[in-house]
C-alpha atoms as a PDB file:
ATOM      1  CA  MET A   1     -16.158 -38.864 -11.286  1.00  0.00           C
ATOM      2  CA  THR A   2     -13.714 -39.171 -14.523  1.00  0.00           C
ATOM      3  CA  SER A   3      -9.912 -39.591 -14.243  1.00  0.00           C
ATOM      4  CA  SER A   4      -9.777 -37.416 -17.019  1.00  0.00           C
ATOM      5  CA  VAL A   5     -10.482 -34.225 -13.908  1.00  0.00           C
ATOM      6  CA  LYS A   6      -7.703 -32.656 -11.908  1.00  0.00           C
ATOM      7  CA  VAL A   7      -7.902 -29.585  -9.930  1.00  0.00           C
ATOM      8  CA  TRP A   8      -4.968 -27.606  -9.202  1.00  0.00           C
ATOM      9  CA  LEU A   9      -5.191 -25.790  -6.151  1.00  0.00           C
ATOM     10  CA  ILE A  10      -3.757 -22.712  -5.369  1.00  0.00           C
ATOM     11  CA  GLY A  11      -3.362 -22.987  -1.320  1.00  0.00           C
ATOM     12  CA  GLY A  12      -0.841 -22.447   1.561  1.00  0.00           C
ATOM     13  CA  THR A  13      -3.360 -21.038   3.665  1.00  0.00           C
ATOM     14  CA  SER A  14      -6.583 -22.539   6.170  1.00  0.00           C
ATOM     15  CA  ASP A  15      -9.021 -21.449   3.259  1.00  0.00           C
ATOM     16  CA  SER A  16      -7.210 -24.116   0.991  1.00  0.00           C
ATOM     17  CA  ARG A  17      -7.628 -26.637   3.202  1.00  0.00           C
ATOM     18  CA  THR A  18     -11.130 -26.442   3.233  1.00  0.00           C
ATOM     19  CA  VAL A  19     -11.637 -26.798  -0.323  1.00  0.00           C
ATOM     20  CA  ALA A  20      -8.645 -29.552  -0.302  1.00  0.00           C
ATOM     21  CA  GLN A  21     -11.557 -31.505   2.246  1.00  0.00           C
ATOM     22  CA  ILE A  22     -14.107 -30.827  -0.064  1.00  0.00           C
ATOM     23  CA  LEU A  23     -12.563 -31.457  -3.062  1.00  0.00           C
ATOM     24  CA  SER A  24     -11.290 -35.126  -0.790  1.00  0.00           C
ATOM     25  CA  ASP A  25     -15.257 -35.819  -0.279  1.00  0.00           C
ATOM     26  CA  ARG A  26     -16.724 -36.132  -3.452  1.00  0.00           C
ATOM     27  CA  HIS A  27     -13.492 -37.990  -4.660  1.00  0.00           C
ATOM     28  CA  ILE A  28     -12.169 -35.041  -7.032  1.00  0.00           C
ATOM     29  CA  PRO A  29      -8.449 -35.323  -7.787  1.00  0.00           C
ATOM     30  CA  TRP A  30      -6.684 -32.821  -7.143  1.00  0.00           C
ATOM     31  CA  ILE A  31      -3.340 -30.870  -6.532  1.00  0.00           C
ATOM     32  CA  ALA A  32      -2.625 -27.790  -3.931  1.00  0.00           C
ATOM     33  CA  THR A  33       0.207 -25.744  -4.392  1.00  0.00           C
ATOM     34  CA  VAL A  34       2.159 -23.721  -1.749  1.00  0.00           C
ATOM     35  CA  VAL A  35       5.464 -21.827  -1.223  1.00  0.00           C
ATOM     36  CA  SER A  36       7.068 -22.833   1.625  1.00  0.00           C
ATOM     37  CA  PRO A  37       7.407 -26.927   2.476  1.00  0.00           C
ATOM     38  CA  ARG A  38       5.917 -26.749   5.503  1.00  0.00           C
ATOM     39  CA  ALA A  39       2.164 -25.081   4.919  1.00  0.00           C
ATOM     40  CA  GLN A  40       2.262 -29.187   2.940  1.00  0.00           C
ATOM     41  CA  ARG A  41       1.141 -29.911   6.727  1.00  0.00           C
ATOM     42  CA  LEU A  42      -2.228 -28.169   6.175  1.00  0.00           C
ATOM     43  CA  TYR A  43      -3.207 -31.086   3.527  1.00  0.00           C
ATOM     44  CA  LYS A  44      -2.141 -34.004   6.040  1.00  0.00           C
ATOM     45  CA  ASN A  45      -4.781 -37.087   5.991  1.00  0.00           C
ATOM     46  CA  LEU A  46      -6.039 -35.754   2.466  1.00  0.00           C
ATOM     47  CA  PRO A  47      -5.745 -37.790  -0.732  1.00  0.00           C
ATOM     48  CA  GLY A  48      -4.289 -34.837  -2.682  1.00  0.00           C
ATOM     49  CA  GLU A  49      -0.884 -34.702  -4.502  1.00  0.00           C
ATOM     50  CA  ILE A  50       1.144 -31.327  -2.768  1.00  0.00           C
ATOM     51  CA  HIS A  51       3.313 -29.306  -4.951  1.00  0.00           C
ATOM     52  CA  ALA A  52       5.810 -26.698  -3.163  1.00  0.00           C
ATOM     53  CA  GLY A  53       7.977 -24.079  -3.845  1.00  0.00           C
ATOM     54  CA  PRO A  54       7.526 -21.271  -6.035  1.00  0.00           C
ATOM     55  CA  LEU A  55       5.900 -21.550  -9.786  1.00  0.00           C
ATOM     56  CA  THR A  56       6.874 -18.947 -12.264  1.00  0.00           C
ATOM     57  CA  ALA A  57       5.091 -17.085 -14.885  1.00  0.00           C
ATOM     58  CA  ASP A  58       7.334 -19.053 -17.564  1.00  0.00           C
ATOM     59  CA  ALA A  59       7.139 -22.157 -15.645  1.00  0.00           C
ATOM     60  CA  LEU A  60       3.566 -22.102 -15.037  1.00  0.00           C
ATOM     61  CA  PRO A  61       2.044 -23.398 -18.420  1.00  0.00           C
ATOM     62  CA  HIS A  62       4.726 -26.547 -18.467  1.00  0.00           C
ATOM     63  CA  TRP A  63       3.424 -27.566 -14.790  1.00  0.00           C
ATOM     64  CA  LEU A  64      -0.459 -27.399 -15.568  1.00  0.00           C
ATOM     65  CA  ARG A  65       0.430 -29.955 -19.124  1.00  0.00           C
ATOM     66  CA  GLU A  66       2.652 -32.244 -16.721  1.00  0.00           C
ATOM     67  CA  HIS A  67      -0.073 -32.501 -14.125  1.00  0.00           C
ATOM     68  CA  HIS A  68      -3.391 -32.654 -16.472  1.00  0.00           C
ATOM     69  CA  ILE A  69      -4.451 -29.770 -15.259  1.00  0.00           C
ATOM     70  CA  THR A  70      -7.973 -29.198 -15.760  1.00  0.00           C
ATOM     71  CA  HIS A  71     -10.002 -26.662 -13.761  1.00  0.00           C
ATOM     72  CA  ILE A  72      -8.492 -24.261 -10.737  1.00  0.00           C
ATOM     73  CA  VAL A  73      -9.773 -23.283  -7.123  1.00  0.00           C
ATOM     74  CA  ASP A  74      -7.757 -20.685  -6.650  1.00  0.00           C
ATOM     75  CA  GLY A  75      -7.580 -20.597  -2.122  1.00  0.00           C
ATOM     76  CA  SER A  76      -4.677 -18.727  -1.817  1.00  0.00           C
ATOM     77  CA  HIS A  77      -4.506 -15.429   0.719  1.00  0.00           C
ATOM     78  CA  PRO A  78      -6.010 -12.614  -0.117  1.00  0.00           C
ATOM     79  CA  PHE A  79      -3.235 -10.677  -0.697  1.00  0.00           C
ATOM     80  CA  ALA A  80      -1.302 -12.749  -2.646  1.00  0.00           C
ATOM     81  CA  VAL A  81      -2.311 -11.656  -6.071  1.00  0.00           C
ATOM     82  CA  GLU A  82       0.503 -12.419  -8.107  1.00  0.00           C
ATOM     83  CA  ILE A  83      -0.538 -15.664  -7.869  1.00  0.00           C
ATOM     84  CA  SER A  84      -4.144 -15.384  -8.572  1.00  0.00           C
ATOM     85  CA  SER A  85      -3.274 -13.229 -11.646  1.00  0.00           C
ATOM     86  CA  LEU A  86      -1.761 -16.003 -13.250  1.00  0.00           C
ATOM     87  CA  ALA A  87      -4.439 -18.309 -12.580  1.00  0.00           C
ATOM     88  CA  ILE A  88      -6.951 -15.775 -13.394  1.00  0.00           C
ATOM     89  CA  ALA A  89      -5.182 -15.274 -17.220  1.00  0.00           C
ATOM     90  CA  ILE A  90      -5.403 -19.564 -18.080  1.00  0.00           C
ATOM     91  CA  PRO A  91      -7.584 -20.637 -19.928  1.00  0.00           C
ATOM     92  CA  LEU A  92      -8.760 -22.822 -17.714  1.00  0.00           C
ATOM     93  CA  PRO A  93     -12.190 -22.956 -15.698  1.00  0.00           C
ATOM     94  CA  TYR A  94     -11.504 -20.770 -12.704  1.00  0.00           C
ATOM     95  CA  LEU A  95     -13.576 -20.509  -8.764  1.00  0.00           C
ATOM     96  CA  ARG A  96     -12.091 -18.024  -6.469  1.00  0.00           C
ATOM     97  CA  TYR A  97     -12.545 -19.179  -2.564  1.00  0.00           C
ATOM     98  CA  GLU A  98     -12.688 -16.516  -0.305  1.00  0.00           C
ATOM     99  CA  ARG A  99     -12.928 -15.926   3.088  1.00  0.00           C
ATOM    100  CA  PRO A 100     -15.003 -12.939   4.070  1.00  0.00           C
ATOM    101  CA  ALA A 101     -14.153  -9.915   4.826  1.00  0.00           C
ATOM    102  CA  VAL A 102     -14.454  -7.724   8.066  1.00  0.00           C
ATOM    103  CA  ASP A 103     -16.489  -4.403   6.726  1.00  0.00           C
ATOM    104  CA  LEU A 104     -14.495  -1.529   7.681  1.00  0.00           C
ATOM    105  CA  ALA A 105     -16.188   1.190   7.252  1.00  0.00           C
ATOM    106  CA  PRO A 106     -18.976   1.221  10.015  1.00  0.00           C
ATOM    107  CA  ILE A 107     -15.717   0.462  12.808  1.00  0.00           C
ATOM    108  CA  VAL A 108     -13.103   3.264  10.851  1.00  0.00           C
ATOM    109  CA  GLU A 109     -16.177   6.129  10.850  1.00  0.00           C
ATOM    110  CA  THR A 110     -17.103   5.259  14.275  1.00  0.00           C
ATOM    111  CA  HIS A 111     -13.696   4.663  16.063  1.00  0.00           C
ATOM    112  CA  PRO A 112     -11.211   7.684  14.958  1.00  0.00           C
ATOM    113  CA  ASN A 113      -8.233   5.673  15.980  1.00  0.00           C
ATOM    114  CA  ILE A 114      -9.023   2.621  13.799  1.00  0.00           C
ATOM    115  CA  VAL A 115      -7.548   3.678   9.708  1.00  0.00           C
ATOM    116  CA  ALA A 116      -8.203   1.448   6.923  1.00  0.00           C
ATOM    117  CA  VAL A 117      -5.722   2.339   4.121  1.00  0.00           C
ATOM    118  CA  SER A 118      -4.651   0.910   0.180  1.00  0.00           C
ATOM    119  CA  THR A 119      -1.244   1.321  -0.264  1.00  0.00           C
ATOM    120  CA  TRP A 120       1.355  -0.066   1.708  1.00  0.00           C
ATOM    121  CA  ASP A 121       3.127   3.478   1.391  1.00  0.00           C
ATOM    122  CA  ARG A 122       0.538   4.977   2.728  1.00  0.00           C
ATOM    123  CA  LEU A 123       0.656   2.524   5.699  1.00  0.00           C
ATOM    124  CA  PHE A 124       4.296   2.883   6.527  1.00  0.00           C
ATOM    125  CA  ALA A 125       3.729   6.868   6.132  1.00  0.00           C
ATOM    126  CA  GLU A 126       0.557   6.905   8.469  1.00  0.00           C
ATOM    127  CA  ALA A 127       2.629   4.614  11.063  1.00  0.00           C
ATOM    128  CA  LEU A 128       5.466   7.261  10.891  1.00  0.00           C
ATOM    129  CA  SER A 129       2.874  10.480  10.977  1.00  0.00           C
ATOM    130  CA  ARG A 130       2.704  10.977  14.970  1.00  0.00           C
ATOM    131  CA  ILE A 131       5.662  11.876  17.656  1.00  0.00           C
ATOM    132  CA  GLN A 132       7.902   8.474  18.624  1.00  0.00           C
ATOM    133  CA  PRO A 133       6.061   5.531  17.339  1.00  0.00           C
ATOM    134  CA  ARG A 134       6.137   2.305  19.012  1.00  0.00           C
ATOM    135  CA  ILE A 135       4.866   0.140  15.908  1.00  0.00           C
ATOM    136  CA  LEU A 136       3.573  -3.422  16.151  1.00  0.00           C
ATOM    137  CA  LEU A 137       3.937  -4.941  12.817  1.00  0.00           C
ATOM    138  CA  THR A 138       1.652  -7.625  12.410  1.00  0.00           C
ATOM    139  CA  THR A 139       1.668  -7.750   8.616  1.00  0.00           C
ATOM    140  CA  GLY A 140       4.198 -10.240   7.715  1.00  0.00           C
ATOM    141  CA  LEU A 141       7.624 -11.736   6.982  1.00  0.00           C
ATOM    142  CA  LYS A 142       6.770  -9.940   3.153  1.00  0.00           C
ATOM    143  CA  SER A 143       6.412  -6.370   4.409  1.00  0.00           C
ATOM    144  CA  LEU A 144       9.965  -5.872   7.171  1.00  0.00           C
ATOM    145  CA  GLN A 145      12.166  -5.354   3.661  1.00  0.00           C
ATOM    146  CA  GLN A 146      10.001  -2.759   3.319  1.00  0.00           C
ATOM    147  CA  VAL A 147      10.605  -1.842   6.816  1.00  0.00           C
ATOM    148  CA  VAL A 148      14.193  -2.398   7.070  1.00  0.00           C
ATOM    149  CA  PRO A 149      15.562   0.888   5.439  1.00  0.00           C
ATOM    150  CA  ILE A 150      13.080   2.571   7.799  1.00  0.00           C
ATOM    151  CA  LEU A 151      13.919   1.366  11.381  1.00  0.00           C
ATOM    152  CA  HIS A 152      15.801   4.645  12.654  1.00  0.00           C
ATOM    153  CA  ARG A 153      12.385   6.379  11.986  1.00  0.00           C
ATOM    154  CA  ALA A 154      10.707   4.756  14.865  1.00  0.00           C
ATOM    155  CA  GLN A 155      10.371   1.703  17.981  1.00  0.00           C
ATOM    156  CA  TRP A 156       9.275  -1.459  15.669  1.00  0.00           C
ATOM    157  CA  TRP A 157       8.597  -5.021  16.524  1.00  0.00           C
ATOM    158  CA  ALA A 158       7.351  -7.559  14.538  1.00  0.00           C
ATOM    159  CA  ARG A 159       5.210 -10.558  15.110  1.00  0.00           C
ATOM    160  CA  VAL A 160       5.891 -13.390  12.668  1.00  0.00           C
ATOM    161  CA  LEU A 161       5.319 -17.181  12.694  1.00  0.00           C
ATOM    162  CA  PRO A 162       8.483 -19.414  14.438  1.00  0.00           C
ATOM    163  CA  SER A 163       8.960 -20.972  10.917  1.00  0.00           C
ATOM    164  CA  SER A 164      10.375 -17.592   9.640  1.00  0.00           C
ATOM    165  CA  GLN A 165      12.554 -15.918  12.426  1.00  0.00           C
ATOM    166  CA  GLU A 166      15.886 -16.883  10.867  1.00  0.00           C
ATOM    167  CA  SER A 167      14.196 -15.607   7.811  1.00  0.00           C
ATOM    168  CA  ALA A 168      13.250 -12.307   9.412  1.00  0.00           C
ATOM    169  CA  ILE A 169      16.815 -12.165  10.408  1.00  0.00           C
ATOM    170  CA  ALA A 170      18.558 -12.781   7.176  1.00  0.00           C
ATOM    171  CA  LEU A 171      16.351  -9.641   6.198  1.00  0.00           C
ATOM    172  CA  GLY A 172      17.985  -6.686   8.343  1.00  0.00           C
ATOM    173  CA  PHE A 173      14.870  -7.446  11.060  1.00  0.00           C
ATOM    174  CA  PRO A 174      16.556  -7.125  14.377  1.00  0.00           C
ATOM    175  CA  ARG A 175      16.376 -10.218  16.596  1.00  0.00           C
ATOM    176  CA  ASN A 176      15.286  -8.975  19.554  1.00  0.00           C
ATOM    177  CA  ARG A 177      12.415  -6.916  18.183  1.00  0.00           C
ATOM    178  CA  LEU A 178      10.579 -10.310  16.666  1.00  0.00           C
ATOM    179  CA  ILE A 179       7.826 -11.599  18.068  1.00  0.00           C
ATOM    180  CA  LEU A 180       7.433 -15.117  17.139  1.00  0.00           C
ATOM    181  CA  GLN A 181       3.565 -16.303  17.763  1.00  0.00           C
ATOM    182  CA  ARG A 182       1.394 -17.686  14.953  1.00  0.00           C
ATOM    183  CA  PRO A 183      -2.035 -15.969  14.559  1.00  0.00           C
ATOM    184  CA  PRO A 184      -5.091 -15.569  15.533  1.00  0.00           C
ATOM    185  CA  VAL A 185      -4.492 -14.050  19.332  1.00  0.00           C
ATOM    186  CA  SER A 186      -7.120 -13.462  21.619  1.00  0.00           C
ATOM    187  CA  VAL A 187      -8.121  -9.821  22.279  1.00  0.00           C
ATOM    188  CA  ALA A 188      -6.763 -10.826  25.714  1.00  0.00           C
ATOM    189  CA  ALA A 189      -3.482 -11.494  24.832  1.00  0.00           C
ATOM    190  CA  GLU A 190      -3.342  -8.687  21.922  1.00  0.00           C
ATOM    191  CA  LYS A 191      -4.224  -6.421  24.722  1.00  0.00           C
ATOM    192  CA  ASP A 192      -1.148  -7.612  27.282  1.00  0.00           C
ATOM    193  CA  GLN A 193       1.226  -7.334  24.910  1.00  0.00           C
ATOM    194  CA  TRP A 194       0.374  -3.953  23.359  1.00  0.00           C
ATOM    195  CA  GLN A 195       0.473  -2.367  26.967  1.00  0.00           C
ATOM    196  CA  SER A 196       3.993  -4.290  28.242  1.00  0.00           C
ATOM    197  CA  LEU A 197       5.547  -2.602  25.195  1.00  0.00           C
ATOM    198  CA  GLY A 198       4.049   0.397  24.931  1.00  0.00           C
ATOM    199  CA  ILE A 199       2.584   0.397  21.279  1.00  0.00           C
ATOM    200  CA  ASN A 200       1.213   2.973  20.370  1.00  0.00           C
ATOM    201  CA  THR A 201       0.677   2.146  16.921  1.00  0.00           C
ATOM    202  CA  VAL A 202      -0.151  -1.643  15.365  1.00  0.00           C
ATOM    203  CA  LEU A 203      -0.243  -1.912  11.202  1.00  0.00           C
ATOM    204  CA  THR A 204      -1.971  -4.967  10.232  1.00  0.00           C
ATOM    205  CA  LYS A 205      -3.702  -6.146   6.808  1.00  0.00           C
ATOM    206  CA  ALA A 206      -7.585  -6.648   6.050  1.00  0.00           C
ATOM    207  CA  SER A 207      -6.922 -10.767   6.086  1.00  0.00           C
ATOM    208  CA  GLY A 208     -10.281 -11.318   7.978  1.00  0.00           C
ATOM    209  CA  SER A 209     -11.133 -13.658  10.768  1.00  0.00           C
ATOM    210  CA  ALA A 210      -8.310 -16.614  10.162  1.00  0.00           C
ATOM    211  CA  GLY A 211      -5.784 -13.448  11.004  1.00  0.00           C
ATOM    212  CA  GLY A 212      -6.698 -12.423  13.815  1.00  0.00           C
ATOM    213  CA  LEU A 213      -8.107  -8.575  12.651  1.00  0.00           C
ATOM    214  CA  PRO A 214     -11.338  -8.983  14.478  1.00  0.00           C
ATOM    215  CA  GLU A 215      -9.411  -9.572  18.041  1.00  0.00           C
ATOM    216  CA  LYS A 216      -7.156  -7.132  16.902  1.00  0.00           C
ATOM    217  CA  ILE A 217      -9.784  -4.478  16.048  1.00  0.00           C
ATOM    218  CA  ALA A 218     -11.369  -4.891  19.655  1.00  0.00           C
ATOM    219  CA  ALA A 219      -8.188  -4.521  21.392  1.00  0.00           C
ATOM    220  CA  ALA A 220      -7.594  -0.894  19.486  1.00  0.00           C
ATOM    221  CA  ILE A 221     -10.853   0.015  20.134  1.00  0.00           C
ATOM    222  CA  ALA A 222     -10.276  -1.207  24.855  1.00  0.00           C
ATOM    223  CA  LEU A 223      -7.108   0.292  24.418  1.00  0.00           C
ATOM    224  CA  GLN A 224      -7.100   3.652  21.745  1.00  0.00           C
ATOM    225  CA  THR A 225      -4.385   1.990  20.407  1.00  0.00           C
ATOM    226  CA  ARG A 226      -4.547   3.526  16.436  1.00  0.00           C
ATOM    227  CA  LEU A 227      -4.635   0.862  13.904  1.00  0.00           C
ATOM    228  CA  LEU A 228      -4.180   1.022  10.721  1.00  0.00           C
ATOM    229  CA  ILE A 229      -5.370  -1.409   8.626  1.00  0.00           C
ATOM    230  CA  LEU A 230      -4.291  -2.231   4.591  1.00  0.00           C
ATOM    231  CA  GLN A 231      -7.502  -3.155   2.621  1.00  0.00           C
ATOM    232  CA  ARG A 232      -7.413  -5.694   0.351  1.00  0.00           C
ATOM    233  CA  PRO A 233      -6.100  -5.233  -3.129  1.00  0.00           C
ATOM    234  CA  HIS A 234      -8.898  -5.494  -5.732  1.00  0.00           C
ATOM    235  CA  LEU A 235      -8.656  -8.308  -8.707  1.00  0.00           C
ATOM    236  CA  SER A 236     -12.062  -9.238 -11.307  1.00  0.00           C
ATOM    237  CA  TYR A 237     -12.474 -12.450 -10.193  1.00  0.00           C
ATOM    238  CA  PRO A 238     -14.096 -14.318 -12.893  1.00  0.00           C
ATOM    239  CA  HIS A 239     -16.188 -16.432 -10.334  1.00  0.00           C
ATOM    240  CA  GLN A 240     -16.095 -16.021  -6.212  1.00  0.00           C
ATOM    241  CA  VAL A 241     -17.531 -18.243  -3.259  1.00  0.00           C
ATOM    242  CA  GLN A 242     -16.746 -17.647   0.615  1.00  0.00           C
ATOM    243  CA  SER A 243     -18.336 -20.574   1.845  1.00  0.00           C
ATOM    244  CA  GLY A 244     -18.307 -24.625   1.643  1.00  0.00           C
ATOM    245  CA  ASP A 245     -21.546 -24.568   0.706  1.00  0.00           C
ATOM    246  CA  GLY A 246     -21.112 -22.224  -2.332  1.00  0.00           C
ATOM    247  CA  LEU A 247     -18.552 -24.135  -3.312  1.00  0.00           C
ATOM    248  CA  SER A 248     -19.932 -27.209  -3.597  1.00  0.00           C
ATOM    249  CA  ASN A 249     -22.282 -25.361  -5.587  1.00  0.00           C
ATOM    250  CA  HIS A 250     -19.922 -24.429  -7.947  1.00  0.00           C
ATOM    251  CA  LEU A 251     -18.257 -27.912  -8.312  1.00  0.00           C
ATOM    252  CA  ASP A 252     -21.950 -29.129  -9.197  1.00  0.00           C
ATOM    253  CA  ALA A 253     -21.915 -27.213 -12.358  1.00  0.00           C
ATOM    254  CA  TRP A 254     -18.789 -27.651 -13.069  1.00  0.00           C
ATOM    255  CA  PHE A 255     -18.820 -31.893 -12.375  1.00  0.00           C
ATOM    256  CA  GLY A 256     -22.505 -32.917 -11.839  1.00  0.00           C
ATOM    257  CA  LYS A 257     -23.933 -34.341  -8.382  1.00  0.00           C
ATOM    258  CA  LYS A 258     -22.865 -37.370  -8.858  1.00  0.00           C
ATOM    259  CA  VAL A 259     -19.885 -38.752  -6.756  1.00  0.00           C
ATOM    260  CA  CYS A 260     -17.801 -42.321  -7.741  1.00  0.00           C
END
């Protein structure tokens, strides 16, 4: 592999760890970007570089030149549309590596208590449409800022990463309504938690298996609890793969099959 090649890996997910491993196995130089310094641990024992902190549209061109980026592999979260949109607009070879989505159509057709919605506004409107809603929010830290102004309209609980506790409190979410837990959560644990809190509505995102969506669906079916799922945003990716084999084939097209 020529030393003039360097891949920008848009990271921060377990998917991006898979990409980093494949790039490393092929001796392709890479630098991963993550928003949180804690996410650097995803790439432990791998030989690439890591940049922690947000990248703005203004700073990105200089950063790309500084790090001599020649190719982009986007392994970011399916809902991280801002950074993906910026990367797509860059005149460099781009590939999206995204975890497979759960097919929601047959599920929502069969189970009326499971509803897929396309916008945040619709998600919260549906959540508040029932009498005396007791809502478990599993949509991540960033969504809490949208909930704080409507806390008085329901009884809310939010499940966040342990590392996000203080940030959630700083946003104004009550400490005693935070559940510190890492996904995925087992079906049995989901059911126990929902029942112990008297939850009648659960909000989640269509993040795939890595985010624990299949477990939530199974729990919702078993308990007949209302599950509202925010669908993935739609971006037009120039090229996209959903498996390690697909990634390897695309890397072959970019760099050839020979590994140095």
